[in-house]
Amino acid sequence: MNKPTKHSRPARYDYIECRDYLQAKHGYDERNYAEGKDFWHWVCKNYEIRNDCNITFTEGKLSEIEEEWVKTIYKYYIDEFGEGDPKIASFHCWW
């Protein structure tokens, strides 16, 4: 299993590649994490999502997230792909 690399335009990770990598690494299903809870739906409610968009996860947002299951997955993204201090992870979303 190879960790995804950043893409250009500017350099961001491909969200789908990162999602698949984290699911394989941690053994979970983002679309059916806990009792049918869907992390992608949480992302859509908390970010402006459309085809060919960019989203940024920040370490600081962890303290704002109330649901533990969301915090767990969000932290996977920050820990694996975040850079800087505080950590920031940027992703490109497309379909």
N, C-alpha and C. Protein backbone atom coordinates (compact mmCIF):
# COMPACT_ATOMS: atom_id res chain seq x y z
N MET A 1 0.86 -1.17 0.00
CA MET A 1 0.00 0.00 0.00
C MET A 1 0.90 1.23 0.00
N ASN A 2 0.74 2.08 -0.99
CA ASN A 2 1.53 3.30 -1.09
C ASN A 2 0.73 4.49 -0.61
N LYS A 3 1.35 5.34 0.19
CA LYS A 3 0.70 6.55 0.66
C LYS A 3 0.53 7.51 -0.52
N PRO A 4 -0.64 8.12 -0.68
CA PRO A 4 -0.85 9.07 -1.77
C PRO A 4 0.13 10.24 -1.68
N THR A 5 0.43 10.82 -2.83
CA THR A 5 1.31 11.99 -2.90
C THR A 5 0.49 13.19 -3.32
N LYS A 6 1.02 14.37 -3.08
CA LYS A 6 0.33 15.59 -3.47
C LYS A 6 0.30 15.72 -4.98
N HIS A 7 -0.74 16.35 -5.47
CA HIS A 7 -0.88 16.65 -6.88
C HIS A 7 -0.65 18.15 -7.07
N SER A 8 -0.49 18.58 -8.30
CA SER A 8 -0.30 20.00 -8.55
C SER A 8 -1.65 20.70 -8.68
N ARG A 9 -1.65 22.00 -8.90
CA ARG A 9 -2.82 22.88 -9.11
C ARG A 9 -3.41 23.46 -7.86
N PRO A 10 -2.92 24.09 -6.97
CA PRO A 10 -1.60 23.89 -6.39
C PRO A 10 -1.54 22.54 -5.69
N ALA A 11 -0.46 22.23 -5.07
CA ALA A 11 -0.25 20.90 -4.49
C ALA A 11 -1.30 20.61 -3.42
N ARG A 12 -2.12 19.63 -3.71
CA ARG A 12 -3.14 19.15 -2.77
C ARG A 12 -3.23 17.65 -2.95
N TYR A 13 -3.70 16.99 -1.91
CA TYR A 13 -3.92 15.55 -2.00
C TYR A 13 -5.27 15.29 -2.66
N ASP A 14 -5.38 14.18 -3.37
CA ASP A 14 -6.65 13.74 -3.93
C ASP A 14 -7.45 13.10 -2.79
N TYR A 15 -8.63 13.64 -2.52
CA TYR A 15 -9.42 13.17 -1.38
C TYR A 15 -9.73 11.68 -1.49
N ILE A 16 -10.12 11.22 -2.67
CA ILE A 16 -10.50 9.81 -2.83
C ILE A 16 -9.32 8.89 -2.59
N GLU A 17 -8.15 9.26 -3.10
CA GLU A 17 -6.95 8.45 -2.85
C GLU A 17 -6.64 8.38 -1.35
N CYS A 18 -6.76 9.52 -0.68
CA CYS A 18 -6.47 9.58 0.76
C CYS A 18 -7.50 8.79 1.55
N ARG A 19 -8.77 8.92 1.17
CA ARG A 19 -9.84 8.17 1.84
C ARG A 19 -9.58 6.67 1.74
N ASP A 20 -9.29 6.22 0.53
CA ASP A 20 -9.04 4.79 0.32
C ASP A 20 -7.83 4.31 1.11
N TYR A 21 -6.79 5.12 1.14
CA TYR A 21 -5.57 4.79 1.88
C TYR A 21 -5.86 4.66 3.38
N LEU A 22 -6.57 5.65 3.94
CA LEU A 22 -6.86 5.63 5.38
C LEU A 22 -7.79 4.47 5.74
N GLN A 23 -8.77 4.19 4.90
CA GLN A 23 -9.67 3.07 5.17
C GLN A 23 -8.90 1.75 5.21
N ALA A 24 -7.99 1.57 4.26
CA ALA A 24 -7.19 0.34 4.23
C ALA A 24 -6.24 0.27 5.42
N LYS A 25 -5.63 1.38 5.74
CA LYS A 25 -4.65 1.42 6.84
C LYS A 25 -5.30 1.17 8.19
N HIS A 26 -6.48 1.77 8.42
CA HIS A 26 -7.12 1.70 9.73
C HIS A 26 -8.28 0.71 9.79
N GLY A 27 -8.63 0.11 8.66
CA GLY A 27 -9.66 -0.93 8.65
C GLY A 27 -11.06 -0.44 8.97
N TYR A 28 -11.49 0.63 8.35
CA TYR A 28 -12.85 1.13 8.56
C TYR A 28 -13.46 1.50 7.21
N ASP A 29 -14.75 1.78 7.21
CA ASP A 29 -15.47 2.21 6.02
C ASP A 29 -16.02 3.60 6.32
N GLU A 30 -15.51 4.59 5.62
CA GLU A 30 -15.90 5.97 5.87
C GLU A 30 -17.39 6.21 5.63
N ARG A 31 -18.00 5.46 4.74
CA ARG A 31 -19.41 5.62 4.43
C ARG A 31 -20.32 4.87 5.40
N ASN A 32 -19.74 4.01 6.23
CA ASN A 32 -20.53 3.24 7.18
C ASN A 32 -19.66 2.99 8.40
N TYR A 33 -19.33 4.06 9.10
CA TYR A 33 -18.34 3.96 10.17
C TYR A 33 -18.93 3.38 11.46
N ALA A 34 -19.89 4.05 12.02
CA ALA A 34 -20.47 3.62 13.30
C ALA A 34 -21.99 3.70 13.17
N GLU A 35 -22.61 2.54 13.20
CA GLU A 35 -24.07 2.48 13.12
C GLU A 35 -24.59 3.24 11.90
N GLY A 36 -23.92 3.05 10.77
CA GLY A 36 -24.37 3.65 9.52
C GLY A 36 -24.02 5.12 9.35
N LYS A 37 -23.17 5.65 10.18
CA LYS A 37 -22.79 7.06 10.07
C LYS A 37 -21.82 7.23 8.90
N ASP A 38 -21.98 8.32 8.17
CA ASP A 38 -21.23 8.55 6.93
C ASP A 38 -20.40 9.82 7.07
N PHE A 39 -19.08 9.67 7.11
CA PHE A 39 -18.18 10.83 7.25
C PHE A 39 -18.32 11.79 6.08
N TRP A 40 -18.50 11.26 4.87
CA TRP A 40 -18.62 12.14 3.70
C TRP A 40 -19.83 13.07 3.85
N HIS A 41 -20.93 12.58 4.40
CA HIS A 41 -22.09 13.45 4.61
C HIS A 41 -21.76 14.54 5.63
N TRP A 42 -20.98 14.21 6.64
CA TRP A 42 -20.55 15.23 7.60
C TRP A 42 -19.69 16.28 6.89
N VAL A 43 -18.79 15.83 6.04
CA VAL A 43 -17.95 16.76 5.28
C VAL A 43 -18.83 17.68 4.44
N CYS A 44 -19.82 17.12 3.75
CA CYS A 44 -20.70 17.92 2.90
C CYS A 44 -21.50 18.95 3.69
N LYS A 45 -21.85 18.64 4.93
CA LYS A 45 -22.59 19.58 5.77
C LYS A 45 -21.69 20.69 6.32
N ASN A 46 -20.40 20.42 6.41
CA ASN A 46 -19.49 21.37 7.06
C ASN A 46 -18.53 22.10 6.12
N TYR A 47 -18.55 21.73 4.85
CA TYR A 47 -17.72 22.36 3.84
C TYR A 47 -18.55 22.60 2.59
N GLU A 48 -18.15 23.57 1.79
CA GLU A 48 -18.83 23.81 0.52
C GLU A 48 -18.26 22.81 -0.49
N ILE A 49 -19.04 21.78 -0.79
CA ILE A 49 -18.58 20.69 -1.65
C ILE A 49 -19.29 20.76 -3.00
N ARG A 50 -18.50 20.66 -4.04
CA ARG A 50 -18.98 20.57 -5.41
C ARG A 50 -17.91 19.85 -6.21
N ASN A 51 -18.22 19.43 -7.39
CA ASN A 51 -17.22 18.76 -8.22
C ASN A 51 -16.06 19.72 -8.50
N ASP A 52 -14.85 19.20 -8.40
CA ASP A 52 -13.62 19.96 -8.67
C ASP A 52 -13.42 21.10 -7.66
N CYS A 53 -13.55 20.78 -6.37
CA CYS A 53 -13.35 21.77 -5.32
C CYS A 53 -12.18 21.35 -4.43
N ASN A 54 -11.76 22.25 -3.59
CA ASN A 54 -10.70 21.98 -2.61
C ASN A 54 -11.25 22.18 -1.21
N ILE A 55 -10.83 21.31 -0.31
CA ILE A 55 -11.22 21.46 1.09
C ILE A 55 -9.96 21.38 1.94
N THR A 56 -10.02 22.02 3.08
CA THR A 56 -8.88 22.04 3.99
C THR A 56 -9.32 21.61 5.37
N PHE A 57 -8.65 20.61 5.91
CA PHE A 57 -8.88 20.16 7.28
C PHE A 57 -7.78 20.78 8.13
N THR A 58 -8.15 21.35 9.26
CA THR A 58 -7.18 22.00 10.15
C THR A 58 -7.20 21.36 11.53
N GLU A 59 -6.04 21.30 12.13
CA GLU A 59 -5.91 20.72 13.46
C GLU A 59 -6.78 21.47 14.46
N GLY A 60 -6.91 22.77 14.30
CA GLY A 60 -7.70 23.59 15.22
C GLY A 60 -9.18 23.23 15.23
N LYS A 61 -9.68 22.72 14.12
CA LYS A 61 -11.10 22.36 14.04
C LYS A 61 -11.45 21.15 14.91
N LEU A 62 -10.45 20.34 15.24
CA LEU A 62 -10.71 19.15 16.07
C LEU A 62 -11.44 19.50 17.36
N SER A 63 -11.08 20.63 17.97
CA SER A 63 -11.71 21.01 19.24
C SER A 63 -13.17 21.42 19.07
N GLU A 64 -13.57 21.75 17.84
CA GLU A 64 -14.95 22.15 17.56
C GLU A 64 -15.86 20.97 17.24
N ILE A 65 -15.28 19.84 16.89
CA ILE A 65 -16.07 18.68 16.48
C ILE A 65 -16.59 17.96 17.72
N GLU A 66 -17.91 17.81 17.79
CA GLU A 66 -18.53 17.19 18.96
C GLU A 66 -18.61 15.67 18.87
N GLU A 67 -18.88 15.15 17.68
CA GLU A 67 -19.07 13.72 17.52
C GLU A 67 -17.72 13.01 17.54
N GLU A 68 -17.55 12.06 18.45
CA GLU A 68 -16.27 11.35 18.59
C GLU A 68 -15.90 10.58 17.33
N TRP A 69 -16.89 9.98 16.67
CA TRP A 69 -16.59 9.20 15.46
C TRP A 69 -16.07 10.11 14.34
N VAL A 70 -16.61 11.32 14.24
CA VAL A 70 -16.13 12.29 13.24
C VAL A 70 -14.71 12.72 13.61
N LYS A 71 -14.51 13.03 14.88
CA LYS A 71 -13.19 13.46 15.35
C LYS A 71 -12.13 12.40 15.05
N THR A 72 -12.48 11.13 15.23
CA THR A 72 -11.55 10.04 14.97
C THR A 72 -11.09 10.04 13.51
N ILE A 73 -12.05 10.08 12.58
CA ILE A 73 -11.70 10.04 11.16
C ILE A 73 -10.99 11.33 10.74
N TYR A 74 -11.48 12.46 11.17
CA TYR A 74 -10.86 13.75 10.84
C TYR A 74 -9.41 13.77 11.30
N LYS A 75 -9.15 13.23 12.48
CA LYS A 75 -7.79 13.17 13.02
C LYS A 75 -6.89 12.26 12.19
N TYR A 76 -7.45 11.18 11.64
CA TYR A 76 -6.67 10.34 10.73
C TYR A 76 -6.13 11.17 9.57
N TYR A 77 -6.99 12.01 8.98
CA TYR A 77 -6.58 12.87 7.87
C TYR A 77 -5.50 13.86 8.30
N ILE A 78 -5.71 14.50 9.43
CA ILE A 78 -4.75 15.48 9.94
C ILE A 78 -3.42 14.82 10.26
N ASP A 79 -3.45 13.71 10.97
CA ASP A 79 -2.21 13.03 11.38
C ASP A 79 -1.42 12.53 10.18
N GLU A 80 -2.10 12.02 9.17
CA GLU A 80 -1.41 11.40 8.04
C GLU A 80 -0.97 12.42 6.98
N PHE A 81 -1.81 13.43 6.73
CA PHE A 81 -1.55 14.33 5.61
C PHE A 81 -1.35 15.79 6.01
N GLY A 82 -1.49 16.10 7.29
CA GLY A 82 -1.33 17.47 7.75
C GLY A 82 0.13 17.89 7.78
N GLU A 83 0.34 19.18 7.52
CA GLU A 83 1.68 19.76 7.54
C GLU A 83 1.62 21.07 8.31
N GLY A 84 2.76 21.44 8.88
CA GLY A 84 2.87 22.71 9.59
C GLY A 84 2.50 22.58 11.05
N ASP A 85 2.49 23.72 11.70
CA ASP A 85 2.14 23.80 13.11
C ASP A 85 1.30 25.04 13.33
N PRO A 86 -0.01 24.94 13.47
CA PRO A 86 -0.78 23.70 13.57
C PRO A 86 -0.90 23.02 12.20
N LYS A 87 -1.21 21.74 12.24
CA LYS A 87 -1.29 20.94 11.02
C LYS A 87 -2.50 21.34 10.16
N ILE A 88 -2.25 21.41 8.86
CA ILE A 88 -3.28 21.70 7.87
C ILE A 88 -3.13 20.68 6.75
N ALA A 89 -4.26 20.11 6.30
CA ALA A 89 -4.26 19.16 5.20
C ALA A 89 -5.25 19.63 4.14
N SER A 90 -4.77 19.76 2.90
CA SER A 90 -5.61 20.24 1.80
C SER A 90 -5.87 19.11 0.82
N PHE A 91 -7.14 19.03 0.35
CA PHE A 91 -7.56 17.95 -0.53
C PHE A 91 -8.34 18.50 -1.71
N HIS A 92 -8.19 17.82 -2.84
CA HIS A 92 -8.96 18.12 -4.03
C HIS A 92 -10.08 17.08 -4.12
N CYS A 93 -11.32 17.54 -4.30
CA CYS A 93 -12.47 16.65 -4.41
C CYS A 93 -13.04 16.77 -5.83
N TRP A 94 -13.22 15.64 -6.45
CA TRP A 94 -13.81 15.62 -7.79
C TRP A 94 -14.51 14.29 -8.01
N TRP A 95 -15.42 14.29 -8.95
CA TRP A 95 -16.09 13.05 -9.32
C TRP A 95 -16.54 13.13 -10.75
